[in-house]
Amino acid sequence: QLIRTVAEEAGVRLAEQELYSDSIGASGSPGDSYVDMQVSNTQTIVEALQGETAPFEPN
């Protein structure tokens, strides 16, 4: 909640998707493996910076 209050007072828009930080996500989530977690975090950051991403399929 604190980060939302600070962002609102600073006039900063937060990304809707949270980043995975300490561990991979729950089974079935976009970050349920190490590679998927990295892909999800990268997509979230790029989209928050108003960039575009292309689909990524690991080998």
PDB file of N, CA and C in Angstrom:
ATOM      1  N   GLN A   1       0.821  -1.195   0.000  1.00  0.00           N
ATOM      2  CA  GLN A   1       0.000   0.000   0.000  1.00  0.00           C
ATOM      3  C   GLN A   1       0.867   1.261   0.000  1.00  0.00           C
ATOM      4  N   LEU A   2       1.984   1.232   0.699  1.00  0.00           N
ATOM      5  CA  LEU A   2       2.856   2.401   0.774  1.00  0.00           C
ATOM      6  C   LEU A   2       3.337   2.823  -0.612  1.00  0.00           C
ATOM      7  N   ILE A   3       3.744   1.855  -1.426  1.00  0.00           N
ATOM      8  CA  ILE A   3       4.249   2.198  -2.753  1.00  0.00           C
ATOM      9  C   ILE A   3       3.165   2.863  -3.589  1.00  0.00           C
ATOM     10  N   ARG A   4       1.920   2.443  -3.433  1.00  0.00           N
ATOM     11  CA  ARG A   4       0.813   3.055  -4.182  1.00  0.00           C
ATOM     12  C   ARG A   4       0.595   4.502  -3.734  1.00  0.00           C
ATOM     13  N   THR A   5       0.678   4.745  -2.438  1.00  0.00           N
ATOM     14  CA  THR A   5       0.511   6.095  -1.911  1.00  0.00           C
ATOM     15  C   THR A   5       1.629   7.010  -2.408  1.00  0.00           C
ATOM     16  N   VAL A   6       2.859   6.540  -2.337  1.00  0.00           N
ATOM     17  CA  VAL A   6       3.999   7.340  -2.794  1.00  0.00           C
ATOM     18  C   VAL A   6       3.873   7.631  -4.285  1.00  0.00           C
ATOM     19  N   ALA A   7       3.522   6.622  -5.077  1.00  0.00           N
ATOM     20  CA  ALA A   7       3.376   6.809  -6.525  1.00  0.00           C
ATOM     21  C   ALA A   7       2.276   7.814  -6.832  1.00  0.00           C
ATOM     22  N   GLU A   8       1.168   7.711  -6.128  1.00  0.00           N
ATOM     23  CA  GLU A   8       0.051   8.637  -6.354  1.00  0.00           C
ATOM     24  C   GLU A   8       0.466  10.070  -6.028  1.00  0.00           C
ATOM     25  N   GLU A   9       1.130  10.259  -4.898  1.00  0.00           N
ATOM     26  CA  GLU A   9       1.560  11.602  -4.507  1.00  0.00           C
ATOM     27  C   GLU A   9       2.613  12.164  -5.459  1.00  0.00           C
ATOM     28  N   ALA A  10       3.410  11.285  -6.057  1.00  0.00           N
ATOM     29  CA  ALA A  10       4.454  11.726  -6.986  1.00  0.00           C
ATOM     30  C   ALA A  10       3.943  11.843  -8.415  1.00  0.00           C
ATOM     31  N   GLY A  11       2.712  11.420  -8.635  1.00  0.00           N
ATOM     32  CA  GLY A  11       2.153  11.466  -9.982  1.00  0.00           C
ATOM     33  C   GLY A  11       2.758  10.430 -10.914  1.00  0.00           C
ATOM     34  N   VAL A  12       3.153   9.301 -10.343  1.00  0.00           N
ATOM     35  CA  VAL A  12       3.791   8.231 -11.115  1.00  0.00           C
ATOM     36  C   VAL A  12       2.802   7.086 -11.287  1.00  0.00           C
ATOM     37  N   ARG A  13       2.763   6.545 -12.504  1.00  0.00           N
ATOM     38  CA  ARG A  13       1.876   5.414 -12.781  1.00  0.00           C
ATOM     39  C   ARG A  13       2.631   4.119 -12.517  1.00  0.00           C
ATOM     40  N   LEU A  14       2.030   3.221 -11.747  1.00  0.00           N
ATOM     41  CA  LEU A  14       2.628   1.916 -11.483  1.00  0.00           C
ATOM     42  C   LEU A  14       2.205   0.923 -12.556  1.00  0.00           C
ATOM     43  N   ALA A  15       3.062  -0.042 -12.832  1.00  0.00           N
ATOM     44  CA  ALA A  15       2.698  -1.124 -13.747  1.00  0.00           C
ATOM     45  C   ALA A  15       1.591  -1.950 -13.099  1.00  0.00           C
ATOM     46  N   GLU A  16       0.671  -2.442 -13.904  1.00  0.00           N
ATOM     47  CA  GLU A  16      -0.421  -3.244 -13.361  1.00  0.00           C
ATOM     48  C   GLU A  16       0.059  -4.613 -12.906  1.00  0.00           C
ATOM     49  N   GLN A  17       0.996  -5.193 -13.634  1.00  0.00           N
ATOM     50  CA  GLN A  17       1.544  -6.506 -13.290  1.00  0.00           C
ATOM     51  C   GLN A  17       2.719  -6.319 -12.341  1.00  0.00           C
ATOM     52  N   GLU A  18       2.719  -7.035 -11.226  1.00  0.00           N
ATOM     53  CA  GLU A  18       3.844  -6.948 -10.293  1.00  0.00           C
ATOM     54  C   GLU A  18       5.002  -7.792 -10.800  1.00  0.00           C
ATOM     55  N   LEU A  19       6.210  -7.400 -10.428  1.00  0.00           N
ATOM     56  CA  LEU A  19       7.395  -8.171 -10.791  1.00  0.00           C
ATOM     57  C   LEU A  19       7.586  -9.323  -9.812  1.00  0.00           C
ATOM     58  N   TYR A  20       8.125 -10.419 -10.322  1.00  0.00           N
ATOM     59  CA  TYR A  20       8.533 -11.522  -9.454  1.00  0.00           C
ATOM     60  C   TYR A  20       9.905 -11.144  -8.930  1.00  0.00           C
ATOM     61  N   SER A  21      10.109 -11.234  -7.609  1.00  0.00           N
ATOM     62  CA  SER A  21      11.389 -10.779  -7.073  1.00  0.00           C
ATOM     63  C   SER A  21      12.124 -11.854  -6.279  1.00  0.00           C
ATOM     64  N   ASP A  22      11.484 -12.454  -5.318  1.00  0.00           N
ATOM     65  CA  ASP A  22      12.181 -13.397  -4.441  1.00  0.00           C
ATOM     66  C   ASP A  22      12.106 -14.844  -4.899  1.00  0.00           C
ATOM     67  N   SER A  23      11.099 -15.177  -5.681  1.00  0.00           N
ATOM     68  CA  SER A  23      10.937 -16.567  -6.102  1.00  0.00           C
ATOM     69  C   SER A  23      10.046 -16.629  -7.331  1.00  0.00           C
ATOM     70  N   ILE A  24       9.976 -17.811  -7.922  1.00  0.00           N
ATOM     71  CA  ILE A  24       9.099 -17.990  -9.069  1.00  0.00           C
ATOM     72  C   ILE A  24       7.648 -17.942  -8.592  1.00  0.00           C
ATOM     73  N   GLY A  25       6.729 -17.787  -9.526  1.00  0.00           N
ATOM     74  CA  GLY A  25       5.318 -17.689  -9.192  1.00  0.00           C
ATOM     75  C   GLY A  25       4.686 -19.040  -8.920  1.00  0.00           C
ATOM     76  N   ALA A  26       3.448 -18.995  -8.501  1.00  0.00           N
ATOM     77  CA  ALA A  26       2.682 -20.206  -8.231  1.00  0.00           C
ATOM     78  C   ALA A  26       2.444 -20.975  -9.526  1.00  0.00           C
ATOM     79  N   SER A  27       2.230 -22.260  -9.397  1.00  0.00           N
ATOM     80  CA  SER A  27       1.955 -23.107 -10.555  1.00  0.00           C
ATOM     81  C   SER A  27       0.784 -22.546 -11.355  1.00  0.00           C
ATOM     82  N   GLY A  28       0.967 -22.427 -12.659  1.00  0.00           N
ATOM     83  CA  GLY A  28      -0.079 -21.893 -13.525  1.00  0.00           C
ATOM     84  C   GLY A  28      -0.015 -20.390 -13.720  1.00  0.00           C
ATOM     85  N   SER A  29       0.859 -19.707 -12.988  1.00  0.00           N
ATOM     86  CA  SER A  29       1.002 -18.255 -13.134  1.00  0.00           C
ATOM     87  C   SER A  29       1.966 -17.961 -14.280  1.00  0.00           C
ATOM     88  N   PRO A  30       2.018 -16.706 -14.752  1.00  0.00           N
ATOM     89  CA  PRO A  30       2.945 -16.367 -15.836  1.00  0.00           C
ATOM     90  C   PRO A  30       4.417 -16.571 -15.462  1.00  0.00           C
ATOM     91  N   GLY A  31       4.725 -16.674 -14.187  1.00  0.00           N
ATOM     92  CA  GLY A  31       6.108 -16.828 -13.749  1.00  0.00           C
ATOM     93  C   GLY A  31       6.356 -18.126 -13.016  1.00  0.00           C
ATOM     94  N   ASP A  32       5.745 -19.219 -13.494  1.00  0.00           N
ATOM     95  CA  ASP A  32       5.829 -20.479 -12.749  1.00  0.00           C
ATOM     96  C   ASP A  32       7.095 -21.301 -13.013  1.00  0.00           C
ATOM     97  N   SER A  33       8.030 -20.760 -13.755  1.00  0.00           N
ATOM     98  CA  SER A  33       9.361 -21.363 -13.894  1.00  0.00           C
ATOM     99  C   SER A  33      10.358 -20.209 -13.942  1.00  0.00           C
ATOM    100  N   TYR A  34      11.639 -20.525 -13.794  1.00  0.00           N
ATOM    101  CA  TYR A  34      12.638 -19.452 -13.805  1.00  0.00           C
ATOM    102  C   TYR A  34      12.608 -18.683 -15.121  1.00  0.00           C
ATOM    103  N   VAL A  35      12.566 -19.401 -16.245  1.00  0.00           N
ATOM    104  CA  VAL A  35      12.555 -18.744 -17.555  1.00  0.00           C
ATOM    105  C   VAL A  35      11.283 -17.928 -17.721  1.00  0.00           C
ATOM    106  N   ASP A  36      10.128 -18.502 -17.378  1.00  0.00           N
ATOM    107  CA  ASP A  36       8.865 -17.768 -17.510  1.00  0.00           C
ATOM    108  C   ASP A  36       8.834 -16.541 -16.607  1.00  0.00           C
ATOM    109  N   MET A  37       9.445 -16.647 -15.423  1.00  0.00           N
ATOM    110  CA  MET A  37       9.520 -15.503 -14.513  1.00  0.00           C
ATOM    111  C   MET A  37      10.323 -14.375 -15.161  1.00  0.00           C
ATOM    112  N   GLN A  38      11.456 -14.710 -15.771  1.00  0.00           N
ATOM    113  CA  GLN A  38      12.285 -13.703 -16.426  1.00  0.00           C
ATOM    114  C   GLN A  38      11.558 -13.074 -17.612  1.00  0.00           C
ATOM    115  N   VAL A  39      10.851 -13.896 -18.386  1.00  0.00           N
ATOM    116  CA  VAL A  39      10.076 -13.388 -19.523  1.00  0.00           C
ATOM    117  C   VAL A  39       8.986 -12.451 -19.027  1.00  0.00           C
ATOM    118  N   SER A  40       8.252 -12.865 -17.994  1.00  0.00           N
ATOM    119  CA  SER A  40       7.168 -12.043 -17.452  1.00  0.00           C
ATOM    120  C   SER A  40       7.696 -10.715 -16.925  1.00  0.00           C
ATOM    121  N   ASN A  41       8.794 -10.744 -16.168  1.00  0.00           N
ATOM    122  CA  ASN A  41       9.369  -9.507 -15.639  1.00  0.00           C
ATOM    123  C   ASN A  41       9.825  -8.583 -16.764  1.00  0.00           C
ATOM    124  N   THR A  42      10.460  -9.154 -17.781  1.00  0.00           N
ATOM    125  CA  THR A  42      10.926  -8.343 -18.910  1.00  0.00           C
ATOM    126  C   THR A  42       9.754  -7.707 -19.638  1.00  0.00           C
ATOM    127  N   GLN A  43       8.711  -8.485 -19.888  1.00  0.00           N
ATOM    128  CA  GLN A  43       7.523  -7.944 -20.560  1.00  0.00           C
ATOM    129  C   GLN A  43       6.887  -6.833 -19.733  1.00  0.00           C
ATOM    130  N   THR A  44       6.792  -7.034 -18.428  1.00  0.00           N
ATOM    131  CA  THR A  44       6.192  -6.026 -17.555  1.00  0.00           C
ATOM    132  C   THR A  44       6.977  -4.722 -17.609  1.00  0.00           C
ATOM    133  N   ILE A  45       8.295  -4.808 -17.542  1.00  0.00           N
ATOM    134  CA  ILE A  45       9.133  -3.604 -17.573  1.00  0.00           C
ATOM    135  C   ILE A  45       9.033  -2.905 -18.918  1.00  0.00           C
ATOM    136  N   VAL A  46       9.143  -3.656 -20.005  1.00  0.00           N
ATOM    137  CA  VAL A  46       9.086  -3.062 -21.346  1.00  0.00           C
ATOM    138  C   VAL A  46       7.739  -2.389 -21.578  1.00  0.00           C
ATOM    139  N   GLU A  47       6.652  -3.066 -21.216  1.00  0.00           N
ATOM    140  CA  GLU A  47       5.322  -2.486 -21.419  1.00  0.00           C
ATOM    141  C   GLU A  47       5.106  -1.254 -20.543  1.00  0.00           C
ATOM    142  N   ALA A  48       5.652  -1.262 -19.313  1.00  0.00           N
ATOM    143  CA  ALA A  48       5.519  -0.095 -18.438  1.00  0.00           C
ATOM    144  C   ALA A  48       6.266   1.108 -19.008  1.00  0.00           C
ATOM    145  N   LEU A  49       7.315   0.834 -19.780  1.00  0.00           N
ATOM    146  CA  LEU A  49       8.069   1.902 -20.440  1.00  0.00           C
ATOM    147  C   LEU A  49       7.486   2.227 -21.811  1.00  0.00           C
ATOM    148  N   GLN A  50       6.312   1.690 -22.075  1.00  0.00           N
ATOM    149  CA  GLN A  50       5.544   1.909 -23.305  1.00  0.00           C
ATOM    150  C   GLN A  50       6.236   1.337 -24.533  1.00  0.00           C
ATOM    151  N   GLY A  51       6.979   0.272 -24.332  1.00  0.00           N
ATOM    152  CA  GLY A  51       7.598  -0.441 -25.445  1.00  0.00           C
ATOM    153  C   GLY A  51       6.722  -1.606 -25.876  1.00  0.00           C
ATOM    154  N   GLU A  52       7.198  -2.352 -26.830  1.00  0.00           N
ATOM    155  CA  GLU A  52       6.467  -3.511 -27.329  1.00  0.00           C
ATOM    156  C   GLU A  52       7.338  -4.749 -27.179  1.00  0.00           C
ATOM    157  N   THR A  53       6.696  -5.883 -26.938  1.00  0.00           N
ATOM    158  CA  THR A  53       7.412  -7.145 -26.842  1.00  0.00           C
ATOM    159  C   THR A  53       6.906  -8.098 -27.916  1.00  0.00           C
ATOM    160  N   ALA A  54       7.748  -9.027 -28.279  1.00  0.00           N
ATOM    161  CA  ALA A  54       7.376 -10.086 -29.218  1.00  0.00           C
ATOM    162  C   ALA A  54       7.262 -11.388 -28.427  1.00  0.00           C
ATOM    163  N   PRO A  55       6.433 -12.311 -28.877  1.00  0.00           N
ATOM    164  CA  PRO A  55       6.322 -13.596 -28.173  1.00  0.00           C
ATOM    165  C   PRO A  55       7.684 -14.285 -28.072  1.00  0.00           C
ATOM    166  N   PHE A  56       7.935 -14.923 -26.955  1.00  0.00           N
ATOM    167  CA  PHE A  56       9.192 -15.631 -26.732  1.00  0.00           C
ATOM    168  C   PHE A  56       8.886 -17.078 -26.429  1.00  0.00           C
ATOM    169  N   GLU A  57       9.479 -17.974 -27.181  1.00  0.00           N
ATOM    170  CA  GLU A  57       9.324 -19.403 -26.952  1.00  0.00           C
ATOM    171  C   GLU A  57      10.700 -19.988 -26.659  1.00  0.00           C
ATOM    172  N   PRO A  58      10.960 -20.356 -25.394  1.00  0.00           N
ATOM    173  CA  PRO A  58      12.271 -20.932 -25.080  1.00  0.00           C
ATOM    174  C   PRO A  58      12.457 -22.267 -25.791  1.00  0.00           C
ATOM    175  N   ASN A  59      13.698 -22.615 -26.095  1.00  0.00           N
ATOM    176  CA  ASN A  59      14.001 -23.879 -26.788  1.00  0.00           C
ATOM    177  C   ASN A  59      13.735 -25.063 -25.917  1.00  0.00           C
TER     178      ASN A  59
END
